[in-house]
């Protein structure tokens, strides 16, 4: 049976939640493989809105197993609050429906405190634009081999030793930033209190998923953020703290790369970005304002207004190559309704040299000027369209040109937040 990885192919906020929900109806397992609760997915099902941050999007679908993999960093207090919120909306969540990898690193209150203190201390132009939720510092502790992981909650002696090791690193950092030392006993008390709530969900995820795969079950791997925020291939240093590209799906849950059959990239019909960093096609004019208003461009997690711009085909072609994307889901096409003229970035001018990709060096990225190709827009509405026949001719031409420029076919086309308003071109789950 086919297993599918879903990744964002821009700077996040591409509409992954709806697409994952749409696909999850046909999957048996939905697994989150990276990121933390700094990413938000909004689902609209039968008029009911679910806002998820830590939980996999498939959790709202009955009869599915949802998995939080070891590539994720997990705030246990936020997770329990989110579980209670979703339960209040009528969704059943139990150890039979939700599984957390035993080797998942935990985000502690000290991580958020450090994250916010660093951002506040950064001078203008050096701020990363983090959500301040402790994602980066937790990943640092993981790589530094001082993280506290889910399995550590099961043994008091182990937990205390892990906390002591973490504080050997954190207390000097906090002193340098003018933050008081960590209250060790209070932190231990918090962890011991949350432990019995988290441990029932803990399991060897790698084992469970490999057994599911051998049994022929369909697995949907869900990523957070977008490829342009990848720690290695994004617009560094204005990136997240984990690998976002499709290759992380295997290591983020403990399953071999030969288990991945299809990579679906989620791509917005224009471009948005939250926070700091380069954005070649950003619009500071009426068109940018119009895109933001029509697209309701405010972050699910932060509420921050997103920066908006024209579609950047050069960037998406780049992310499609790096993630090995087989097909894209083009979302929010309806936001472009009514524009007389549309522009697509086909490359960049860097100091008089034409490039067909975004260079790695930050100073060069900042100097890249977009090279545009113009296309006629359409006055008719595409909102809610569920077949090609319902789309205006110019809308179809726009989609076809996007396919040509990014060198990747459109597999799905989304025309509203409602899951049913989706045009299926290629079934990612086809065997």
Protein backbone atom coordinates (compact mmCIF):
# COMPACT_ATOMS: atom_id res chain seq x y z
CA UNK A 1 0.00 0.00 0.00
CA UNK A 2 1.23 3.53 -0.74
CA UNK A 3 2.71 5.69 2.03
CA UNK A 4 2.66 9.46 1.52
CA UNK A 5 4.76 12.33 2.91
CA UNK A 6 3.19 15.78 3.02
CA UNK A 7 5.55 18.77 3.22
CA UNK A 8 5.19 22.50 2.82
CA UNK A 9 7.13 23.76 -0.19
CA UNK A 10 7.25 27.46 0.70
CA UNK A 11 7.65 29.26 4.06
CA UNK A 12 4.86 27.36 5.78
CA UNK A 13 1.16 28.31 6.11
CA UNK A 14 0.46 26.69 2.72
CA UNK A 15 -2.71 24.94 3.87
CA UNK A 16 -1.25 21.59 4.93
CA UNK A 17 -3.90 21.03 7.58
CA UNK A 18 -6.77 20.79 5.13
CA UNK A 19 -4.85 18.58 2.71
CA UNK A 20 -3.62 16.24 5.44
CA UNK A 21 -7.18 15.98 6.72
CA UNK A 22 -8.42 15.32 3.20
CA UNK A 23 -5.86 12.54 2.75
CA UNK A 24 -6.18 11.15 6.27
CA UNK A 25 -9.62 9.76 5.50
CA UNK A 26 -7.85 7.18 3.33
CA UNK A 27 -4.88 6.60 5.64
CA UNK A 28 -4.64 4.22 8.58
CA UNK A 29 -1.88 6.09 10.42
CA UNK A 30 -1.02 9.81 10.49
CA UNK A 31 2.46 10.58 11.84
CA UNK A 32 4.04 13.96 12.70
CA UNK A 33 7.78 13.74 12.01
CA UNK A 34 9.28 17.13 12.97
CA UNK A 35 8.68 20.55 14.46
CA UNK A 36 6.84 21.59 17.59
CA UNK A 37 3.78 23.56 18.61
CA UNK A 38 5.15 26.61 16.82
CA UNK A 39 3.34 25.30 13.73
CA UNK A 40 -0.42 25.55 13.47
CA UNK A 41 -2.89 23.67 11.29
CA UNK A 42 -6.48 24.85 10.88
CA UNK A 43 -9.06 22.26 9.85
CA UNK A 44 -12.66 23.01 8.85
CA UNK A 45 -14.87 19.92 9.02
CA UNK A 46 -18.64 20.16 8.63
CA UNK A 47 -18.42 23.81 9.60
CA UNK A 48 -16.50 23.07 12.81
CA UNK A 49 -13.03 24.65 13.13
CA UNK A 50 -10.17 22.76 14.78
CA UNK A 51 -6.88 24.53 15.49
CA UNK A 52 -4.06 22.05 16.08
CA UNK A 53 -0.47 22.76 17.04
CA UNK A 54 1.04 19.66 18.65
CA UNK A 55 -1.47 17.00 17.64
CA UNK A 56 -1.30 15.39 14.18
CA UNK A 57 -4.07 16.64 11.88
CA UNK A 58 -5.53 13.14 11.55
CA UNK A 59 -6.52 13.06 15.21
CA UNK A 60 -9.95 14.49 14.40
CA UNK A 61 -10.72 11.47 12.20
CA UNK A 62 -12.14 8.46 14.02
CA UNK A 63 -10.57 5.05 13.58
CA UNK A 64 -7.08 6.36 12.83
CA UNK A 65 -3.84 6.05 14.76
CA UNK A 66 -2.11 9.40 15.26
CA UNK A 67 1.62 9.42 15.99
CA UNK A 68 4.01 12.04 17.36
CA UNK A 69 7.47 10.95 16.21
CA UNK A 70 10.90 11.39 17.72
CA UNK A 71 11.71 14.17 15.23
CA UNK A 72 9.17 16.36 17.02
CA UNK A 73 9.95 18.40 20.15
CA UNK A 74 7.02 18.20 22.52
CA UNK A 75 5.70 20.58 25.17
CA UNK A 76 3.79 18.13 27.42
CA UNK A 77 1.76 20.83 29.15
CA UNK A 78 0.67 22.35 25.86
CA UNK A 79 -0.17 18.88 24.52
CA UNK A 80 -2.44 18.04 27.45
CA UNK A 81 -4.23 21.41 27.13
CA UNK A 82 -4.70 20.81 23.42
CA UNK A 83 -6.01 17.30 24.04
CA UNK A 84 -8.59 18.65 26.48
CA UNK A 85 -9.63 21.37 24.02
CA UNK A 86 -10.12 18.88 21.20
CA UNK A 87 -11.91 16.44 23.49
CA UNK A 88 -14.33 19.24 24.37
CA UNK A 89 -15.11 19.47 20.65
CA UNK A 90 -16.20 15.84 20.65
CA UNK A 91 -12.98 14.15 19.51
CA UNK A 92 -11.94 10.97 21.31
CA UNK A 93 -8.25 10.82 22.20
CA UNK A 94 -6.78 7.86 24.07
CA UNK A 95 -3.61 5.71 24.01
CA UNK A 96 -5.41 3.63 21.38
CA UNK A 97 -5.69 6.63 19.04
CA UNK A 98 -2.56 8.63 19.94
CA UNK A 99 1.00 7.36 20.29
CA UNK A 100 4.08 9.37 21.31
CA UNK A 101 7.60 8.14 20.57
CA UNK A 102 9.48 7.31 23.77
CA UNK A 103 12.55 9.12 22.47
CA UNK A 104 10.75 12.41 21.81
CA UNK A 105 12.54 15.39 23.47
CA UNK A 106 10.46 17.49 25.84
CA UNK A 107 10.16 21.27 25.68
CA UNK A 108 10.53 22.60 29.21
CA UNK A 109 9.48 26.00 30.59
CA UNK A 110 13.17 26.95 30.67
CA UNK A 111 13.35 26.52 26.89
CA UNK A 112 10.64 29.10 26.29
CA UNK A 113 12.24 31.50 28.75
CA UNK A 114 15.59 31.19 26.99
CA UNK A 115 14.00 31.54 23.56
CA UNK A 116 12.23 34.78 24.49
CA UNK A 117 15.22 36.25 26.33
CA UNK A 118 17.50 35.70 23.33
CA UNK A 119 15.02 37.29 20.95
CA UNK A 120 14.57 40.29 23.20
CA UNK A 121 18.34 40.69 23.52
CA UNK A 122 18.93 40.51 19.76
CA UNK A 123 19.58 43.78 17.98
CA UNK A 124 17.47 44.97 15.08
CA UNK A 125 18.22 42.97 11.96
CA UNK A 126 19.43 39.94 13.90
CA UNK A 127 16.10 38.84 15.33
CA UNK A 128 15.03 35.47 13.93
CA UNK A 129 11.32 36.04 14.51
CA UNK A 130 10.78 32.92 16.60
CA UNK A 131 7.44 32.18 18.27
CA UNK A 132 9.21 32.16 21.64
CA UNK A 133 7.88 28.72 22.48
CA UNK A 134 11.22 27.07 23.16
CA UNK A 135 11.48 25.01 19.98
CA UNK A 136 15.05 26.01 19.11
CA UNK A 137 16.53 25.63 22.61
CA UNK A 138 14.94 22.18 22.92
CA UNK A 139 16.48 21.03 19.64
CA UNK A 140 19.80 22.43 20.87
CA UNK A 141 19.53 20.28 23.99
CA UNK A 142 18.70 17.25 21.86
CA UNK A 143 21.82 17.69 19.72
CA UNK A 144 23.85 18.55 22.83
CA UNK A 145 22.78 15.21 24.39
CA UNK A 146 21.22 16.85 27.42
CA UNK A 147 17.53 16.69 26.45
CA UNK A 148 14.90 15.18 28.70
CA UNK A 149 12.90 12.68 26.67
CA UNK A 150 9.50 11.09 27.21
CA UNK A 151 11.02 7.82 28.44
CA UNK A 152 12.93 9.68 31.17
CA UNK A 153 9.64 10.54 32.88
CA UNK A 154 9.20 6.92 33.93
CA UNK A 155 12.10 6.83 36.42
CA UNK A 156 12.69 9.49 39.08
CA UNK A 157 16.42 8.84 39.42
CA UNK A 158 16.97 9.10 35.67
CA UNK A 159 14.82 12.21 35.46
CA UNK A 160 16.75 13.97 38.23
CA UNK A 161 20.08 13.15 36.59
CA UNK A 162 18.85 14.46 33.25
CA UNK A 163 17.62 17.69 34.82
CA UNK A 164 20.95 18.22 36.57
CA UNK A 165 22.82 17.77 33.31
CA UNK A 166 20.52 20.22 31.50
CA UNK A 167 20.91 22.85 34.22
CA UNK A 168 24.71 22.67 34.03
CA UNK A 169 24.24 24.17 30.57
CA UNK A 170 21.24 26.42 31.12
CA UNK A 171 22.13 28.22 34.34
CA UNK A 172 25.32 29.86 32.95
CA UNK A 173 23.38 30.89 29.83
CA UNK A 174 20.62 32.42 31.91
CA UNK A 175 23.13 34.32 34.02
CA UNK A 176 24.62 35.84 30.90
CA UNK A 177 21.17 36.95 29.77
CA UNK A 178 20.23 38.33 33.15
CA UNK A 179 17.72 35.58 33.99
CA UNK A 180 17.62 34.07 37.45
CA UNK A 181 18.81 30.49 37.92
CA UNK A 182 16.35 27.65 37.38
CA UNK A 183 14.46 26.40 40.42
CA UNK A 184 15.50 22.75 40.15
CA UNK A 185 12.98 21.40 42.64
CA UNK A 186 10.08 23.28 41.05
CA UNK A 187 11.02 22.00 37.59
CA UNK A 188 11.25 18.43 38.85
CA UNK A 189 7.89 18.79 40.55
CA UNK A 190 6.31 19.98 37.30
CA UNK A 191 7.77 17.06 35.36
CA UNK A 192 6.72 14.47 37.93
CA UNK A 193 3.19 15.90 37.94
CA UNK A 194 2.83 15.74 34.15
CA UNK A 195 4.50 12.32 33.80
CA UNK A 196 1.44 10.12 34.56
CA UNK A 197 -0.57 12.09 32.01
CA UNK A 198 1.99 11.67 29.20
CA UNK A 199 3.40 8.18 29.81
CA UNK A 200 0.22 6.25 28.88
CA UNK A 201 0.71 7.54 25.30
CA UNK A 202 4.42 6.59 25.14
CA UNK A 203 5.44 3.71 22.87
CA UNK A 204 8.26 2.48 20.59
CA UNK A 205 6.89 4.27 17.56
CA UNK A 206 9.55 2.88 15.21
CA UNK A 207 8.37 -0.65 16.02
CA UNK A 208 4.68 0.12 15.71
CA UNK A 209 5.05 1.87 12.35
CA UNK A 210 7.22 -0.86 10.86
CA UNK A 211 4.62 -3.43 11.91
CA UNK A 212 1.86 -1.31 10.38
CA UNK A 213 3.83 -1.02 7.15
CA UNK A 214 4.41 -4.77 6.94
CA UNK A 215 0.70 -5.32 7.53
CA UNK A 216 -0.05 -3.20 4.46
CA UNK A 217 -1.45 -0.19 6.32
CA UNK A 218 -1.32 3.22 4.72
CA UNK A 219 0.84 5.77 6.55
CA UNK A 220 0.55 9.51 6.05
CA UNK A 221 3.64 11.42 7.20
CA UNK A 222 2.79 14.99 8.21
CA UNK A 223 5.38 17.76 8.26
CA UNK A 224 5.15 21.21 9.83
CA UNK A 225 6.30 24.60 8.52
CA UNK A 226 7.77 24.72 5.00
CA UNK A 227 10.93 23.73 3.15
CA UNK A 228 12.20 27.31 3.00
CA UNK A 229 12.39 27.20 6.81
CA UNK A 230 14.53 24.03 6.79
CA UNK A 231 17.58 24.33 9.04
CA UNK A 232 19.90 23.29 6.17
CA UNK A 233 18.11 24.35 2.98
CA UNK A 234 16.02 27.30 4.13
CA UNK A 235 16.82 31.02 4.21
CA UNK A 236 19.32 30.61 7.07
CA UNK A 237 19.48 31.95 9.75
CA UNK A 238 15.81 32.93 9.45
CA UNK A 239 14.70 29.32 9.66
CA UNK A 240 13.26 26.81 12.11
CA UNK A 241 15.45 24.47 14.16
CA UNK A 242 14.71 21.19 12.40
CA UNK A 243 14.81 19.60 8.97
CA UNK A 244 11.49 20.22 7.27
CA UNK A 245 12.13 18.50 3.94
CA UNK A 246 10.76 15.06 3.08
CA UNK A 247 13.94 13.19 3.97
CA UNK A 248 13.21 13.94 7.64
CA UNK A 249 10.05 11.82 7.50
CA UNK A 250 12.07 8.61 7.77
CA UNK A 251 14.40 9.64 10.59
CA UNK A 252 11.66 11.55 12.37
CA UNK A 253 9.66 8.41 13.13
CA UNK A 254 12.18 5.59 12.70
CA UNK A 255 11.18 4.04 9.40
CA UNK A 256 13.29 3.34 6.31
CA UNK A 257 13.27 5.70 3.30
CA UNK A 258 12.14 2.80 1.11
CA UNK A 259 8.82 3.02 2.97
CA UNK A 260 8.00 6.35 1.30
CA UNK A 261 6.12 5.99 -1.97
CA UNK A 262 4.95 9.52 -2.75
CA UNK A 263 5.93 13.04 -1.66
CA UNK A 264 3.20 15.67 -1.90
CA UNK A 265 4.28 19.31 -1.66
CA UNK A 266 1.75 21.89 -0.49
CA UNK A 267 2.06 25.16 -2.40
CA UNK A 268 0.02 28.32 -2.10
CA UNK A 269 -1.00 29.99 -5.39
CA UNK A 270 0.89 33.07 -4.21
CA UNK A 271 3.61 33.44 -1.55
CA UNK A 272 3.52 34.35 2.13
CA UNK A 273 5.98 34.49 4.99
CA UNK A 274 5.73 35.14 8.74
CA UNK A 275 8.61 36.75 10.60
CA UNK A 276 11.98 37.99 9.47
CA UNK A 277 14.13 37.02 6.51
CA UNK A 278 14.43 37.50 2.74
CA UNK A 279 11.31 37.46 0.58
CA UNK A 280 12.10 38.40 -3.06
CA UNK A 281 8.50 38.73 -4.28
CA UNK A 282 7.10 40.55 -1.23
CA UNK A 283 4.56 43.26 -2.06
CA UNK A 284 4.26 46.42 0.00
CA UNK A 285 1.48 47.83 -2.17
CA UNK A 286 -2.27 47.48 -2.68
CA UNK A 287 -1.84 44.07 -4.33
CA UNK A 288 -0.01 42.75 -1.27
CA UNK A 289 -2.69 44.17 1.01
CA UNK A 290 -5.39 42.61 -1.15
CA UNK A 291 -3.76 39.17 -1.06
CA UNK A 292 -3.50 39.36 2.73
CA UNK A 293 -7.10 40.42 3.21
CA UNK A 294 -8.61 37.93 0.75
CA UNK A 295 -6.41 35.11 2.04
CA UNK A 296 -7.01 35.93 5.74
CA UNK A 297 -3.26 35.83 6.20
CA UNK A 298 -2.77 35.65 9.92
CA UNK A 299 -0.73 32.90 11.58
CA UNK A 300 -2.68 30.10 13.31
CA UNK A 301 -0.11 29.91 16.09
CA UNK A 302 1.00 33.52 16.56
CA UNK A 303 -1.79 35.60 15.05
CA UNK A 304 0.94 37.59 13.31
CA UNK A 305 0.10 39.14 9.95
CA UNK A 306 1.80 37.30 7.11
CA UNK A 307 3.87 39.08 4.50
CA UNK A 308 2.40 38.52 1.02
CA UNK A 309 3.79 38.46 -2.50
CA UNK A 310 3.49 36.99 -5.97
CA UNK A 311 4.09 33.31 -6.65
CA UNK A 312 7.80 32.48 -6.72
CA UNK A 313 8.26 29.63 -9.19
CA UNK A 314 12.04 29.66 -8.87
CA UNK A 315 11.84 28.97 -5.15
CA UNK A 316 9.21 26.24 -5.47
CA UNK A 317 11.18 24.55 -8.25
CA UNK A 318 14.12 24.51 -5.85
CA UNK A 319 12.14 23.01 -2.95
CA UNK A 320 10.51 20.44 -5.21
CA UNK A 321 13.95 19.21 -6.22
CA UNK A 322 15.35 19.10 -2.68
CA UNK A 323 12.35 17.23 -1.27
CA UNK A 324 11.89 14.95 -4.27
CA UNK A 325 8.29 16.10 -4.62
CA UNK A 326 6.20 13.93 -6.94
CA UNK A 327 3.24 16.29 -7.15
CA UNK A 328 1.94 19.47 -5.55
CA UNK A 329 -1.32 20.48 -3.98
CA UNK A 330 -1.96 24.05 -5.12
CA UNK A 331 -4.01 25.88 -2.50
CA UNK A 332 -5.87 29.18 -2.24
CA UNK A 333 -6.32 29.60 -5.97
CA UNK A 334 -9.56 31.45 -5.20
CA UNK A 335 -7.61 34.28 -3.49
CA UNK A 336 -6.39 35.33 -6.94
CA UNK A 337 -9.93 35.85 -8.25
CA UNK A 338 -10.46 39.36 -9.59
CA UNK A 339 -6.84 40.32 -10.26
CA UNK A 340 -6.54 41.84 -13.73
CA UNK A 341 -2.89 40.85 -14.05
CA UNK A 342 -0.89 38.21 -12.18
CA UNK A 343 2.87 37.96 -11.87
CA UNK A 344 5.06 34.88 -11.43
CA UNK A 345 8.72 35.07 -10.44
CA UNK A 346 10.77 32.96 -12.87
CA UNK A 347 14.25 33.82 -11.57
CA UNK A 348 16.37 36.54 -9.98
CA UNK A 349 18.69 39.34 -10.94
CA UNK A 350 21.75 39.37 -8.67
CA UNK A 351 23.99 42.31 -9.43
CA UNK A 352 23.31 41.98 -13.16
CA UNK A 353 23.55 38.18 -13.26
CA UNK A 354 20.44 36.10 -13.90
CA UNK A 355 19.90 33.15 -11.55
CA UNK A 356 17.28 30.41 -11.71
CA UNK A 357 17.62 29.58 -7.99
CA UNK A 358 17.98 31.45 -4.70
CA UNK A 359 21.65 31.51 -3.61
CA UNK A 360 22.72 30.28 -0.18
CA UNK A 361 24.53 33.37 1.15
CA UNK A 362 22.23 35.67 3.15
CA UNK A 363 23.70 38.86 1.70
CA UNK A 364 23.11 37.59 -1.84
CA UNK A 365 19.55 36.52 -1.01
CA UNK A 366 18.86 40.05 0.23
CA UNK A 367 20.10 41.55 -3.06
CA UNK A 368 18.14 39.22 -5.36
CA UNK A 369 15.55 41.07 -7.41
CA UNK A 370 12.66 39.04 -8.86
CA UNK A 371 12.32 38.60 -12.61
CA UNK A 372 8.63 38.46 -13.41
CA UNK A 373 6.48 36.94 -16.09
CA UNK A 374 2.98 38.42 -16.38
CA UNK A 375 -0.23 36.54 -17.06
CA UNK A 376 -3.83 37.73 -17.46
CA UNK A 377 -6.04 37.18 -14.42
CA UNK A 378 -9.71 36.25 -14.31
CA UNK A 379 -12.85 37.97 -13.05
CA UNK A 380 -14.91 34.83 -12.45
CA UNK A 381 -14.99 33.10 -9.06
CA UNK A 382 -13.07 29.87 -8.50
CA UNK A 383 -14.14 29.54 -4.88
CA UNK A 384 -15.59 26.13 -4.15
CA UNK A 385 -14.80 24.68 -7.59
CA UNK A 386 -14.60 20.87 -7.54
CA UNK A 387 -13.80 20.15 -11.18
CA UNK A 388 -11.67 21.62 -13.96
CA UNK A 389 -14.87 22.46 -15.86
CA UNK A 390 -15.80 24.97 -13.13
CA UNK A 391 -12.55 26.92 -13.51
CA UNK A 392 -12.13 29.97 -15.79
CA UNK A 393 -9.83 29.42 -18.78
CA UNK A 394 -7.25 31.89 -17.45
CA UNK A 395 -7.18 30.12 -14.09
CA UNK A 396 -6.38 26.84 -15.83
CA UNK A 397 -3.66 28.59 -17.87
CA UNK A 398 -2.18 29.93 -14.64
CA UNK A 399 -2.08 26.47 -13.06
CA UNK A 400 -0.53 24.93 -16.17
CA UNK A 401 2.15 27.62 -16.30
CA UNK A 402 2.96 27.02 -12.63
CA UNK A 403 3.43 23.32 -13.41
CA UNK A 404 5.80 24.13 -16.26
CA UNK A 405 7.89 26.57 -14.25
CA UNK A 406 8.29 24.43 -11.12
CA UNK A 407 8.79 21.27 -13.22
CA UNK A 408 6.29 19.34 -11.12
CA UNK A 409 2.65 18.42 -11.80
CA UNK A 410 -0.39 19.53 -9.80
CA UNK A 411 -1.89 16.53 -8.02
CA UNK A 412 -4.60 18.39 -6.10
CA UNK A 413 -6.16 21.82 -6.41
CA UNK A 414 -7.78 23.50 -3.41
CA UNK A 415 -10.35 26.25 -3.91
CA UNK A 416 -11.54 26.97 -0.34
CA UNK A 417 -10.83 25.96 3.28
CA UNK A 418 -13.58 23.31 3.06
CA UNK A 419 -12.10 19.86 2.53
CA UNK A 420 -14.67 18.95 -0.13
CA UNK A 421 -13.64 21.90 -2.31
CA UNK A 422 -10.70 19.99 -3.78
CA UNK A 423 -10.01 18.90 -7.34
CA UNK A 424 -8.19 15.57 -7.48
CA UNK A 425 -5.84 15.15 -10.43
CA UNK A 426 -3.54 12.39 -9.17
CA UNK A 427 -4.24 10.20 -6.16
CA UNK A 428 -1.11 10.19 -3.93
CA UNK A 429 -2.33 6.96 -2.31
CA UNK A 430 -2.69 5.11 -5.62
CA UNK A 431 -0.78 1.85 -5.46
